[in-house]
Amino acid sequence: MAVPQATLKVARAIYEYAGVEDLPDWEDLPPTIQISYVEEAEAALRATCDHIKYLASNIDADDREEILVKGTLVSVSNLLDPRVKD
């Protein structure tokens, strides 16, 4: 699973993106509402990770620097991807 703190931060960011002043605090939301934002956050993280993996797949790793860049991109994607288990 992705770093839970990252997923929670993305969920809060999606919730706060509306910018409406009279929104209740995140902590005051019912758990069912929080879960729906967490699910949206996981979907957003999955899409982002898929794009990072796509970028990594387009690197032809011929020399050491390119291998390091490709490995770093894949590692970051695996760190954030909610589908990757520990």
Protein backbone atom coordinates (compact mmCIF):
# COMPACT_ATOMS: atom_id res chain seq x y z
CA MET A 1 0.00 0.00 0.00
CA ALA A 2 1.09 3.55 -0.57
CA VAL A 3 2.46 5.60 2.25
CA PRO A 4 -0.74 6.21 4.25
CA GLN A 5 0.29 9.77 5.06
CA ALA A 6 0.63 10.56 1.34
CA THR A 7 -2.82 9.16 0.60
CA LEU A 8 -4.34 11.10 3.48
CA LYS A 9 -2.63 14.33 2.40
CA VAL A 10 -3.92 13.92 -1.14
CA ALA A 11 -7.44 13.22 0.19
CA ARG A 12 -7.34 16.37 2.30
CA ALA A 13 -6.01 18.36 -0.65
CA ILE A 14 -8.89 17.14 -2.84
CA TYR A 15 -11.35 18.08 -0.09
CA GLU A 16 -9.84 21.52 0.45
CA TYR A 17 -9.42 22.23 -3.27
CA ALA A 18 -12.93 23.65 -3.46
CA GLY A 19 -11.76 26.57 -1.36
CA VAL A 20 -15.20 27.16 0.11
CA GLU A 21 -14.84 29.02 3.38
CA ASP A 22 -17.68 27.30 5.20
CA LEU A 23 -16.44 23.73 4.75
CA PRO A 24 -16.24 21.74 7.99
CA ASP A 25 -12.78 20.74 9.15
CA TRP A 26 -11.47 17.46 7.77
CA GLU A 27 -11.42 15.95 11.26
CA ASP A 28 -15.12 16.80 11.69
CA LEU A 29 -16.23 14.92 8.57
CA PRO A 30 -18.02 11.61 9.06
CA PRO A 31 -15.77 8.61 8.33
CA THR A 32 -17.91 7.63 5.32
CA ILE A 33 -17.22 11.00 3.71
CA GLN A 34 -13.50 10.80 4.52
CA ILE A 35 -13.37 7.33 2.95
CA SER A 36 -14.83 8.64 -0.30
CA TYR A 37 -12.08 11.27 -0.47
CA VAL A 38 -9.45 8.64 0.36
CA GLU A 39 -10.75 6.53 -2.53
CA GLU A 40 -10.48 9.54 -4.84
CA ALA A 41 -6.95 10.13 -3.57
CA GLU A 42 -5.98 6.52 -4.26
CA ALA A 43 -7.34 6.82 -7.80
CA ALA A 44 -5.38 10.03 -8.33
CA LEU A 45 -2.20 8.44 -6.97
CA ARG A 46 -2.68 5.37 -9.18
CA ALA A 47 -3.03 7.57 -12.26
CA THR A 48 0.06 9.56 -11.29
CA CYS A 49 2.07 6.39 -10.67
CA ASP A 50 0.98 4.92 -13.99
CA HIS A 51 2.23 8.06 -15.71
CA ILE A 52 5.56 7.93 -13.86
CA LYS A 53 5.96 4.27 -14.90
CA TYR A 54 5.12 5.23 -18.48
CA LEU A 55 7.83 7.89 -18.40
CA ALA A 56 10.29 5.35 -17.00
CA SER A 57 9.42 2.83 -19.71
CA ASN A 58 10.38 5.34 -22.39
CA ILE A 59 13.95 5.60 -21.14
CA ASP A 60 16.37 3.43 -23.08
CA ALA A 61 18.81 2.59 -20.31
CA ASP A 62 22.09 2.43 -22.21
CA ASP A 63 24.39 4.03 -19.68
CA ARG A 64 24.63 4.30 -15.91
CA GLU A 65 22.89 7.68 -15.58
CA GLU A 66 19.87 6.53 -17.56
CA ILE A 67 19.65 3.33 -15.52
CA LEU A 68 19.70 5.40 -12.31
CA VAL A 69 16.99 7.76 -13.58
CA LYS A 70 14.78 4.87 -14.69
CA GLY A 71 15.29 3.06 -11.37
CA THR A 72 14.49 6.21 -9.41
CA LEU A 73 11.28 6.81 -11.34
CA VAL A 74 10.14 3.23 -10.80
CA SER A 75 11.03 3.42 -7.09
CA VAL A 76 9.08 6.65 -6.58
CA SER A 77 6.12 5.17 -8.41
CA ASN A 78 6.20 2.02 -6.28
CA LEU A 79 6.47 4.09 -3.11
CA LEU A 80 3.35 6.11 -3.86
CA ASP A 81 1.25 3.48 -5.65
CA PRO A 82 -1.59 2.23 -3.44
CA ARG A 83 -1.65 -1.04 -5.41
CA VAL A 84 1.91 -2.00 -4.38
CA LYS A 85 2.02 -4.08 -1.20
CA ASP A 86 4.89 -3.88 1.29
